[in-house]
Structure formats: structure tokens, C-alpha cells
PDB file of all heavy atoms in Angstrom:
ATOM      1  N   ALA A   1      67.672  92.489  93.855  1.00  0.00           N
ATOM      2  CA  ALA A   1      68.752  91.728  93.195  1.00  0.00           C
ATOM      3  C   ALA A   1      69.870  91.486  94.182  1.00  0.00           C
ATOM      4  O   ALA A   1      70.450  90.397  94.215  1.00  0.00           O
ATOM      5  CB  ALA A   1      69.225  92.512  91.979  1.00  0.00           C
ATOM      6  N   ALA A   2      70.243  92.450  94.982  1.00  0.00           N
ATOM      7  CA  ALA A   2      71.353  92.319  95.919  1.00  0.00           C
ATOM      8  C   ALA A   2      71.025  91.337  97.026  1.00  0.00           C
ATOM      9  O   ALA A   2      71.874  90.579  97.475  1.00  0.00           O
ATOM     10  CB  ALA A   2      71.733  93.669  96.515  1.00  0.00           C
ATOM     11  N   GLU A   3      69.801  91.371  97.469  1.00  0.00           N
ATOM     12  CA  GLU A   3      69.407  90.551  98.608  1.00  0.00           C
ATOM     13  C   GLU A   3      68.653  89.275  98.177  1.00  0.00           C
ATOM     14  O   GLU A   3      68.281  88.450  99.033  1.00  0.00           O
ATOM     15  CB  GLU A   3      68.512  91.345  99.588  1.00  0.00           C
ATOM     16  CG  GLU A   3      69.214  92.591 100.131  1.00  0.00           C
ATOM     17  CD  GLU A   3      70.335  92.242 101.024  1.00  0.00           C
ATOM     18  OE1 GLU A   3      70.329  91.200 101.681  1.00  0.00           O
ATOM     19  OE2 GLU A   3      71.307  93.064 101.060  1.00  0.00           O
ATOM     20  N   HIS A   4      68.400  89.138  96.928  1.00  0.00           N
ATOM     21  CA  HIS A   4      67.631  88.013  96.365  1.00  0.00           C
ATOM     22  C   HIS A   4      66.311  87.825  97.184  1.00  0.00           C
ATOM     23  O   HIS A   4      65.940  86.761  97.581  1.00  0.00           O
ATOM     24  CB  HIS A   4      68.453  86.730  96.363  1.00  0.00           C
ATOM     25  CG  HIS A   4      67.847  85.693  95.432  1.00  0.00           C
ATOM     26  ND1 HIS A   4      67.695  85.905  94.105  1.00  0.00           N
ATOM     27  CD2 HIS A   4      67.359  84.496  95.682  1.00  0.00           C
ATOM     28  CE1 HIS A   4      67.153  84.833  93.571  1.00  0.00           C
ATOM     29  NE2 HIS A   4      66.934  83.951  94.496  1.00  0.00           N
ATOM     30  N   LEU A   5      65.680  88.930  97.355  1.00  0.00           N
ATOM     31  CA  LEU A   5      64.385  89.044  98.050  1.00  0.00           C
ATOM     32  C   LEU A   5      64.351  88.466  99.449  1.00  0.00           C
ATOM     33  O   LEU A   5      63.367  87.886  99.858  1.00  0.00           O
ATOM     34  CB  LEU A   5      63.230  88.522  97.234  1.00  0.00           C
ATOM     35  CG  LEU A   5      61.848  88.973  97.768  1.00  0.00           C
ATOM     36  CD1 LEU A   5      61.801  90.459  97.965  1.00  0.00           C
ATOM     37  CD2 LEU A   5      60.745  88.547  96.897  1.00  0.00           C
ATOM     38  N   THR A   6      65.397  88.608 100.145  1.00  0.00           N
ATOM     39  CA  THR A   6      65.302  88.428 101.575  1.00  0.00           C
ATOM     40  C   THR A   6      64.987  89.794 102.201  1.00  0.00           C
ATOM     41  O   THR A   6      64.827  89.933 103.364  1.00  0.00           O
ATOM     42  CB  THR A   6      66.618  87.874 102.193  1.00  0.00           C
ATOM     43  OG1 THR A   6      67.685  88.774 101.882  1.00  0.00           O
ATOM     44  CG2 THR A   6      66.939  86.508 101.631  1.00  0.00           C
ATOM     45  N   VAL A   7      64.905  90.820 101.331  1.00  0.00           N
ATOM     46  CA  VAL A   7      64.679  92.177 101.773  1.00  0.00           C
ATOM     47  C   VAL A   7      63.256  92.337 102.315  1.00  0.00           C
ATOM     48  O   VAL A   7      63.039  92.903 103.336  1.00  0.00           O
ATOM     49  CB  VAL A   7      64.936  93.187 100.659  1.00  0.00           C
ATOM     50  CG1 VAL A   7      64.491  94.568 101.054  1.00  0.00           C
ATOM     51  CG2 VAL A   7      66.425  93.215 100.324  1.00  0.00           C
ATOM     52  N   ALA A   8      62.248  91.886 101.555  1.00  0.00           N
ATOM     53  CA  ALA A   8      60.890  92.277 101.917  1.00  0.00           C
ATOM     54  C   ALA A   8      59.846  91.230 101.589  1.00  0.00           C
ATOM     55  O   ALA A   8      59.943  90.506 100.599  1.00  0.00           O
ATOM     56  CB  ALA A   8      60.530  93.579 101.178  1.00  0.00           C
ATOM     57  N   ASP A   9      58.849  91.149 102.482  1.00  0.00           N
ATOM     58  CA  ASP A   9      57.662  90.373 102.221  1.00  0.00           C
ATOM     59  C   ASP A   9      56.657  91.210 101.439  1.00  0.00           C
ATOM     60  O   ASP A   9      55.834  90.659 100.718  1.00  0.00           O
ATOM     61  CB  ASP A   9      57.056  89.895 103.508  1.00  0.00           C
ATOM     62  CG  ASP A   9      58.014  89.036 104.314  1.00  0.00           C
ATOM     63  OD1 ASP A   9      58.494  88.023 103.744  1.00  0.00           O
ATOM     64  OD2 ASP A   9      58.325  89.360 105.454  1.00  0.00           O
ATOM     65  N   TRP A  10      56.679  92.510 101.673  1.00  0.00           N
ATOM     66  CA  TRP A  10      55.774  93.463 101.004  1.00  0.00           C
ATOM     67  C   TRP A  10      56.573  94.636 100.522  1.00  0.00           C
ATOM     68  O   TRP A  10      57.499  95.103 101.199  1.00  0.00           O
ATOM     69  CB  TRP A  10      54.713  93.980 101.989  1.00  0.00           C
ATOM     70  CG  TRP A  10      53.491  93.164 102.030  1.00  0.00           C
ATOM     71  CD1 TRP A  10      53.176  92.223 102.977  1.00  0.00           C
ATOM     72  CD2 TRP A  10      52.407  93.173 101.101  1.00  0.00           C
ATOM     73  NE1 TRP A  10      51.974  91.645 102.689  1.00  0.00           N
ATOM     74  CE2 TRP A  10      51.483  92.242 101.527  1.00  0.00           C
ATOM     75  CE3 TRP A  10      52.154  93.904  99.959  1.00  0.00           C
ATOM     76  CZ2 TRP A  10      50.275  91.991 100.856  1.00  0.00           C
ATOM     77  CZ3 TRP A  10      50.979  93.681  99.289  1.00  0.00           C
ATOM     78  CH2 TRP A  10      50.042  92.740  99.753  1.00  0.00           C
ATOM     79  N   VAL A  11      56.194  95.169  99.369  1.00  0.00           N
ATOM     80  CA  VAL A  11      56.766  96.436  98.851  1.00  0.00           C
ATOM     81  C   VAL A  11      55.638  97.447  98.746  1.00  0.00           C
ATOM     82  O   VAL A  11      54.619  97.149  98.132  1.00  0.00           O
ATOM     83  CB  VAL A  11      57.396  96.213  97.456  1.00  0.00           C
ATOM     84  CG1 VAL A  11      57.969  97.548  96.919  1.00  0.00           C
ATOM     85  CG2 VAL A  11      58.457  95.125  97.507  1.00  0.00           C
ATOM     86  N   LEU A  12      55.808  98.573  99.387  1.00  0.00           N
ATOM     87  CA  LEU A  12      54.839  99.669  99.278  1.00  0.00           C
ATOM     88  C   LEU A  12      55.435 100.678  98.345  1.00  0.00           C
ATOM     89  O   LEU A  12      56.434 101.336  98.637  1.00  0.00           O
ATOM     90  CB  LEU A  12      54.626 100.287 100.677  1.00  0.00           C
ATOM     91  CG  LEU A  12      54.146  99.324 101.742  1.00  0.00           C
ATOM     92  CD1 LEU A  12      53.996 100.053 103.082  1.00  0.00           C
ATOM     93  CD2 LEU A  12      52.805  98.657 101.367  1.00  0.00           C
ATOM     94  N   MET A  13      54.901 100.791  97.103  1.00  0.00           N
ATOM     95  CA  MET A  13      55.503 101.441  95.975  1.00  0.00           C
ATOM     96  C   MET A  13      54.738 102.629  95.471  1.00  0.00           C
ATOM     97  O   MET A  13      53.537 102.492  95.118  1.00  0.00           O
ATOM     98  CB  MET A  13      55.641 100.440  94.851  1.00  0.00           C
ATOM     99  CG  MET A  13      56.274 100.912  93.562  1.00  0.00           C
ATOM    100  SD  MET A  13      58.065 100.752  93.539  1.00  0.00           S
ATOM    101  CE  MET A  13      58.270  98.978  93.436  1.00  0.00           C
ATOM    102  N   ASP A  14      55.367 103.796  95.481  1.00  0.00           N
ATOM    103  CA  ASP A  14      54.766 104.953  94.830  1.00  0.00           C
ATOM    104  C   ASP A  14      54.823 104.794  93.309  1.00  0.00           C
ATOM    105  O   ASP A  14      55.516 103.917  92.806  1.00  0.00           O
ATOM    106  CB  ASP A  14      55.589 106.202  95.233  1.00  0.00           C
ATOM    107  CG  ASP A  14      54.977 107.500  94.782  1.00  0.00           C
ATOM    108  OD1 ASP A  14      53.751 107.570  94.514  1.00  0.00           O
ATOM    109  OD2 ASP A  14      55.715 108.511  94.711  1.00  0.00           O
ATOM    110  N   ILE A  15      54.042 105.599  92.571  1.00  0.00           N
ATOM    111  CA  ILE A  15      54.083 105.476  91.111  1.00  0.00           C
ATOM    112  C   ILE A  15      55.082 106.455  90.508  1.00  0.00           C
ATOM    113  O   ILE A  15      55.984 106.088  89.817  1.00  0.00           O
ATOM    114  CB  ILE A  15      52.704 105.670  90.482  1.00  0.00           C
ATOM    115  CG1 ILE A  15      51.793 104.482  90.819  1.00  0.00           C
ATOM    116  CG2 ILE A  15      52.786 105.863  88.996  1.00  0.00           C
ATOM    117  CD1 ILE A  15      50.383 104.588  90.247  1.00  0.00           C
ATOM    118  N   GLU A  16      54.856 107.736  90.795  1.00  0.00           N
ATOM    119  CA  GLU A  16      55.730 108.779  90.146  1.00  0.00           C
ATOM    120  C   GLU A  16      56.984 108.990  90.959  1.00  0.00           C
ATOM    121  O   GLU A  16      56.971 109.494  92.070  1.00  0.00           O
ATOM    122  CB  GLU A  16      54.981 110.093  90.046  1.00  0.00           C
ATOM    123  CG  GLU A  16      53.982 110.110  88.920  1.00  0.00           C
ATOM    124  CD  GLU A  16      53.504 111.492  88.549  1.00  0.00           C
ATOM    125  OE1 GLU A  16      53.403 112.349  89.444  1.00  0.00           O
ATOM    126  OE2 GLU A  16      53.259 111.706  87.401  1.00  0.00           O
ATOM    127  N   MET A  17      58.116 108.542  90.365  1.00  0.00           N
ATOM    128  CA  MET A  17      59.411 108.688  90.981  1.00  0.00           C
ATOM    129  C   MET A  17      60.438 108.876  89.863  1.00  0.00           C
ATOM    130  O   MET A  17      60.188 108.480  88.708  1.00  0.00           O
ATOM    131  CB  MET A  17      59.787 107.437  91.779  1.00  0.00           C
ATOM    132  CG  MET A  17      58.900 107.159  92.968  1.00  0.00           C
ATOM    133  SD  MET A  17      59.374 105.684  93.850  1.00  0.00           S
ATOM    134  CE  MET A  17      58.844 104.390  92.733  1.00  0.00           C
ATOM    135  N   PRO A  18      61.576 109.497  90.191  1.00  0.00           N
ATOM    136  CA  PRO A  18      62.625 109.677  89.154  1.00  0.00           C
ATOM    137  C   PRO A  18      63.241 108.331  88.791  1.00  0.00           C
ATOM    138  O   PRO A  18      63.057 107.321  89.465  1.00  0.00           O
ATOM    139  CB  PRO A  18      63.658 110.585  89.855  1.00  0.00           C
ATOM    140  CG  PRO A  18      63.420 110.400  91.304  1.00  0.00           C
ATOM    141  CD  PRO A  18      61.944 110.056  91.476  1.00  0.00           C
ATOM    142  N   ARG A  19      63.967 108.333  87.721  1.00  0.00           N
ATOM    143  CA  ARG A  19      64.708 107.185  87.145  1.00  0.00           C
ATOM    144  C   ARG A  19      63.773 106.056  86.743  1.00  0.00           C
ATOM    145  O   ARG A  19      63.447 105.917  85.567  1.00  0.00           O
ATOM    146  CB  ARG A  19      65.781 106.660  88.077  1.00  0.00           C
ATOM    147  CG  ARG A  19      66.868 107.685  88.330  1.00  0.00           C
ATOM    148  CD  ARG A  19      68.140 107.149  88.942  1.00  0.00           C
ATOM    149  NE  ARG A  19      67.968 106.180  89.975  1.00  0.00           N
ATOM    150  CZ  ARG A  19      68.851 105.222  90.275  1.00  0.00           C
ATOM    151  NH1 ARG A  19      69.936 105.109  89.585  1.00  0.00           N
ATOM    152  NH2 ARG A  19      68.631 104.407  91.295  1.00  0.00           N
ATOM    153  N   VAL A  20      63.269 105.276  87.643  1.00  0.00           N
ATOM    154  CA  VAL A  20      62.345 104.164  87.337  1.00  0.00           C
ATOM    155  C   VAL A  20      61.077 104.368  88.136  1.00  0.00           C
ATOM    156  O   VAL A  20      61.129 104.383  89.360  1.00  0.00           O
ATOM    157  CB  VAL A  20      62.964 102.777  87.616  1.00  0.00           C
ATOM    158  CG1 VAL A  20      61.983 101.672  87.404  1.00  0.00           C
ATOM    159  CG2 VAL A  20      64.259 102.570  86.807  1.00  0.00           C
ATOM    160  N   ASP A  21      59.937 104.535  87.445  1.00  0.00           N
ATOM    161  CA  ASP A  21      58.696 104.762  88.170  1.00  0.00           C
ATOM    162  C   ASP A  21      58.175 103.492  88.773  1.00  0.00           C
ATOM    163  O   ASP A  21      58.705 102.389  88.514  1.00  0.00           O
ATOM    164  CB  ASP A  21      57.633 105.433  87.248  1.00  0.00           C
ATOM    165  CG  ASP A  21      57.133 104.514  86.161  1.00  0.00           C
ATOM    166  OD1 ASP A  21      56.855 103.319  86.394  1.00  0.00           O
ATOM    167  OD2 ASP A  21      56.978 104.996  85.018  1.00  0.00           O
ATOM    168  N   GLY A  22      57.172 103.603  89.630  1.00  0.00           N
ATOM    169  CA  GLY A  22      56.658 102.450  90.361  1.00  0.00           C
ATOM    170  C   GLY A  22      56.029 101.381  89.524  1.00  0.00           C
ATOM    171  O   GLY A  22      56.100 100.187  89.846  1.00  0.00           O
ATOM    172  N   LEU A  23      55.413 101.736  88.420  1.00  0.00           N
ATOM    173  CA  LEU A  23      54.816 100.725  87.551  1.00  0.00           C
ATOM    174  C   LEU A  23      55.859  99.888  86.874  1.00  0.00           C
ATOM    175  O   LEU A  23      55.769  98.646  86.820  1.00  0.00           O
ATOM    176  CB  LEU A  23      53.871 101.395  86.537  1.00  0.00           C
ATOM    177  CG  LEU A  23      52.646 102.083  87.095  1.00  0.00           C
ATOM    178  CD1 LEU A  23      51.847 102.785  86.000  1.00  0.00           C
ATOM    179  CD2 LEU A  23      51.799 101.141  87.882  1.00  0.00           C
ATOM    180  N   GLU A  24      56.883 100.534  86.361  1.00  0.00           N
ATOM    181  CA  GLU A  24      57.991  99.815  85.726  1.00  0.00           C
ATOM    182  C   GLU A  24      58.745  98.981  86.731  1.00  0.00           C
ATOM    183  O   GLU A  24      59.075  97.798  86.475  1.00  0.00           O
ATOM    184  CB  GLU A  24      58.972 100.780  84.985  1.00  0.00           C
ATOM    185  CG  GLU A  24      60.142 100.066  84.366  1.00  0.00           C
ATOM    186  CD  GLU A  24      59.746  99.011  83.342  1.00  0.00           C
ATOM    187  OE1 GLU A  24      58.704  99.070  82.692  1.00  0.00           O
ATOM    188  OE2 GLU A  24      60.533  98.009  83.204  1.00  0.00           O
ATOM    189  N   ALA A  25      58.986  99.530  87.914  1.00  0.00           N
ATOM    190  CA  ALA A  25      59.666  98.755  88.966  1.00  0.00           C
ATOM    191  C   ALA A  25      58.859  97.511  89.363  1.00  0.00           C
ATOM    192  O   ALA A  25      59.394  96.450  89.575  1.00  0.00           O
ATOM    193  CB  ALA A  25      59.945  99.630  90.178  1.00  0.00           C
ATOM    194  N   THR A  26      57.539  97.704  89.445  1.00  0.00           N
ATOM    195  CA  THR A  26      56.650  96.559  89.755  1.00  0.00           C
ATOM    196  C   THR A  26      56.747  95.493  88.696  1.00  0.00           C
ATOM    197  O   THR A  26      56.872  94.298  89.016  1.00  0.00           O
ATOM    198  CB  THR A  26      55.206  97.037  89.955  1.00  0.00           C
ATOM    199  OG1 THR A  26      55.141  98.004  91.017  1.00  0.00           O
ATOM    200  CG2 THR A  26      54.261  95.884  90.219  1.00  0.00           C
ATOM    201  N   ARG A  27      56.701  95.907  87.421  1.00  0.00           N
ATOM    202  CA  ARG A  27      56.872  94.940  86.327  1.00  0.00           C
ATOM    203  C   ARG A  27      58.153  94.169  86.422  1.00  0.00           C
ATOM    204  O   ARG A  27      58.192  92.935  86.280  1.00  0.00           O
ATOM    205  CB  ARG A  27      56.786  95.650  84.993  1.00  0.00           C
ATOM    206  CG  ARG A  27      55.400  95.868  84.463  1.00  0.00           C
ATOM    207  CD  ARG A  27      55.391  96.380  83.000  1.00  0.00           C
ATOM    208  NE  ARG A  27      55.845  97.762  82.872  1.00  0.00           N
ATOM    209  CZ  ARG A  27      55.083  98.821  83.084  1.00  0.00           C
ATOM    210  NH1 ARG A  27      53.847  98.668  83.455  1.00  0.00           N
ATOM    211  NH2 ARG A  27      55.598  99.996  82.944  1.00  0.00           N
ATOM    212  N   GLN A  28      59.243  94.895  86.722  1.00  0.00           N
ATOM    213  CA  GLN A  28      60.561  94.251  86.796  1.00  0.00           C
ATOM    214  C   GLN A  28      60.618  93.271  88.009  1.00  0.00           C
ATOM    215  O   GLN A  28      61.110  92.171  87.864  1.00  0.00           O
ATOM    216  CB  GLN A  28      61.664  95.280  86.958  1.00  0.00           C
ATOM    217  CG  GLN A  28      61.918  96.082  85.665  1.00  0.00           C
ATOM    218  CD  GLN A  28      62.998  97.111  85.809  1.00  0.00           C
ATOM    219  OE1 GLN A  28      63.894  96.985  86.635  1.00  0.00           O
ATOM    220  NE2 GLN A  28      62.903  98.169  85.034  1.00  0.00           N
ATOM    221  N   LEU A  29      60.072  93.708  89.148  1.00  0.00           N
ATOM    222  CA  LEU A  29      60.073  92.827  90.310  1.00  0.00           C
ATOM    223  C   LEU A  29      59.284  91.553  90.031  1.00  0.00           C
ATOM    224  O   LEU A  29      59.703  90.472  90.331  1.00  0.00           O
ATOM    225  CB  LEU A  29      59.509  93.549  91.539  1.00  0.00           C
ATOM    226  CG  LEU A  29      60.363  94.671  92.123  1.00  0.00           C
ATOM    227  CD1 LEU A  29      59.602  95.334  93.269  1.00  0.00           C
ATOM    228  CD2 LEU A  29      61.698  94.127  92.624  1.00  0.00           C
ATOM    229  N   LYS A  30      58.069  91.733  89.461  1.00  0.00           N
ATOM    230  CA  LYS A  30      57.246  90.555  89.189  1.00  0.00           C
ATOM    231  C   LYS A  30      57.843  89.648  88.122  1.00  0.00           C
ATOM    232  O   LYS A  30      57.602  88.429  88.168  1.00  0.00           O
ATOM    233  CB  LYS A  30      55.817  91.029  88.825  1.00  0.00           C
ATOM    234  CG  LYS A  30      55.081  91.735  89.938  1.00  0.00           C
ATOM    235  CD  LYS A  30      54.853  90.873  91.184  1.00  0.00           C
ATOM    236  CE  LYS A  30      53.781  89.845  90.934  1.00  0.00           C
ATOM    237  NZ  LYS A  30      53.492  89.007  92.077  1.00  0.00           N
ATOM    238  N   THR A  31      58.548  90.215  87.197  1.00  0.00           N
ATOM    239  CA  THR A  31      59.196  89.389  86.138  1.00  0.00           C
ATOM    240  C   THR A  31      60.278  88.529  86.760  1.00  0.00           C
ATOM    241  O   THR A  31      60.349  87.330  86.472  1.00  0.00           O
ATOM    242  CB  THR A  31      59.809  90.295  85.025  1.00  0.00           C
ATOM    243  OG1 THR A  31      58.736  90.989  84.408  1.00  0.00           O
ATOM    244  CG2 THR A  31      60.563  89.478  84.031  1.00  0.00           C
ATOM    245  N   HIS A  32      61.127  89.121  87.601  1.00  0.00           N
ATOM    246  CA  HIS A  32      62.236  88.369  88.157  1.00  0.00           C
ATOM    247  C   HIS A  32      61.929  87.623  89.470  1.00  0.00           C
ATOM    248  O   HIS A  32      62.536  86.615  89.744  1.00  0.00           O
ATOM    249  CB  HIS A  32      63.424  89.320  88.414  1.00  0.00           C
ATOM    250  CG  HIS A  32      63.929  89.942  87.145  1.00  0.00           C
ATOM    251  ND1 HIS A  32      64.567  89.218  86.173  1.00  0.00           N
ATOM    252  CD2 HIS A  32      63.861  91.219  86.690  1.00  0.00           C
ATOM    253  CE1 HIS A  32      64.901  90.013  85.173  1.00  0.00           C
ATOM    254  NE2 HIS A  32      64.479  91.191  85.461  1.00  0.00           N
ATOM    255  N   TRP A  33      60.945  88.153  90.215  1.00  0.00           N
ATOM    256  CA  TRP A  33      60.526  87.559  91.506  1.00  0.00           C
ATOM    257  C   TRP A  33      59.018  87.487  91.526  1.00  0.00           C
ATOM    258  O   TRP A  33      58.342  88.311  92.126  1.00  0.00           O
ATOM    259  CB  TRP A  33      61.097  88.357  92.666  1.00  0.00           C
ATOM    260  CG  TRP A  33      62.577  88.425  92.688  1.00  0.00           C
ATOM    261  CD1 TRP A  33      63.432  87.491  93.139  1.00  0.00           C
ATOM    262  CD2 TRP A  33      63.369  89.499  92.149  1.00  0.00           C
ATOM    263  NE1 TRP A  33      64.724  87.923  92.949  1.00  0.00           N
ATOM    264  CE2 TRP A  33      64.724  89.133  92.332  1.00  0.00           C
ATOM    265  CE3 TRP A  33      63.072  90.712  91.526  1.00  0.00           C
ATOM    266  CZ2 TRP A  33      65.776  89.937  91.936  1.00  0.00           C
ATOM    267  CZ3 TRP A  33      64.113  91.517  91.139  1.00  0.00           C
ATOM    268  CH2 TRP A  33      65.468  91.120  91.351  1.00  0.00           C
ATOM    269  N   PRO A  34      58.438  86.504  90.881  1.00  0.00           N
ATOM    270  CA  PRO A  34      56.961  86.442  90.722  1.00  0.00           C
ATOM    271  C   PRO A  34      56.182  86.408  92.047  1.00  0.00           C
ATOM    272  O   PRO A  34      55.028  86.831  92.093  1.00  0.00           O
ATOM    273  CB  PRO A  34      56.733  85.121  89.957  1.00  0.00           C
ATOM    274  CG  PRO A  34      58.008  84.792  89.323  1.00  0.00           C
ATOM    275  CD  PRO A  34      59.072  85.409  90.195  1.00  0.00           C
ATOM    276  N   ASP A  35      56.828  86.001  93.128  1.00  0.00           N
ATOM    277  CA  ASP A  35      56.159  85.976  94.423  1.00  0.00           C
ATOM    278  C   ASP A  35      56.190  87.333  95.134  1.00  0.00           C
ATOM    279  O   ASP A  35      55.605  87.457  96.210  1.00  0.00           O
ATOM    280  CB  ASP A  35      56.767  84.908  95.345  1.00  0.00           C
ATOM    281  CG  ASP A  35      56.524  83.514  94.795  1.00  0.00           C
ATOM    282  OD1 ASP A  35      55.545  83.298  94.062  1.00  0.00           O
ATOM    283  OD2 ASP A  35      57.342  82.605  95.100  1.00  0.00           O
ATOM    284  N   ALA A  36      56.877  88.319  94.574  1.00  0.00           N
ATOM    285  CA  ALA A  36      56.902  89.648  95.206  1.00  0.00           C
ATOM    286  C   ALA A  36      55.485  90.202  95.383  1.00  0.00           C
ATOM    287  O   ALA A  36      54.701  90.132  94.416  1.00  0.00           O
ATOM    288  CB  ALA A  36      57.780  90.575  94.388  1.00  0.00           C
TER     289      ALA A  36
END
């Protein structure tokens, strides 16, 4: 959100993490930035 995806071409995402897990974060990224 802060960088409007100038941050990364690829995201390497763990699943089990505190606050927001990797599956939920992936859903959010793909919802807002479908090309992620």
C-alpha cells in the first residue's frame, strides 16, 4: 500500500505468522493488486 507495488516483483510468503497469516495476506494482495 505504501509503495503501490513498486516494492516487489515477487513475494515469498510464509503461512503461519502473527497478526495476519500468509494466506490472508495473499488474498489481500491479490484483491488489491491482482498482478502480485
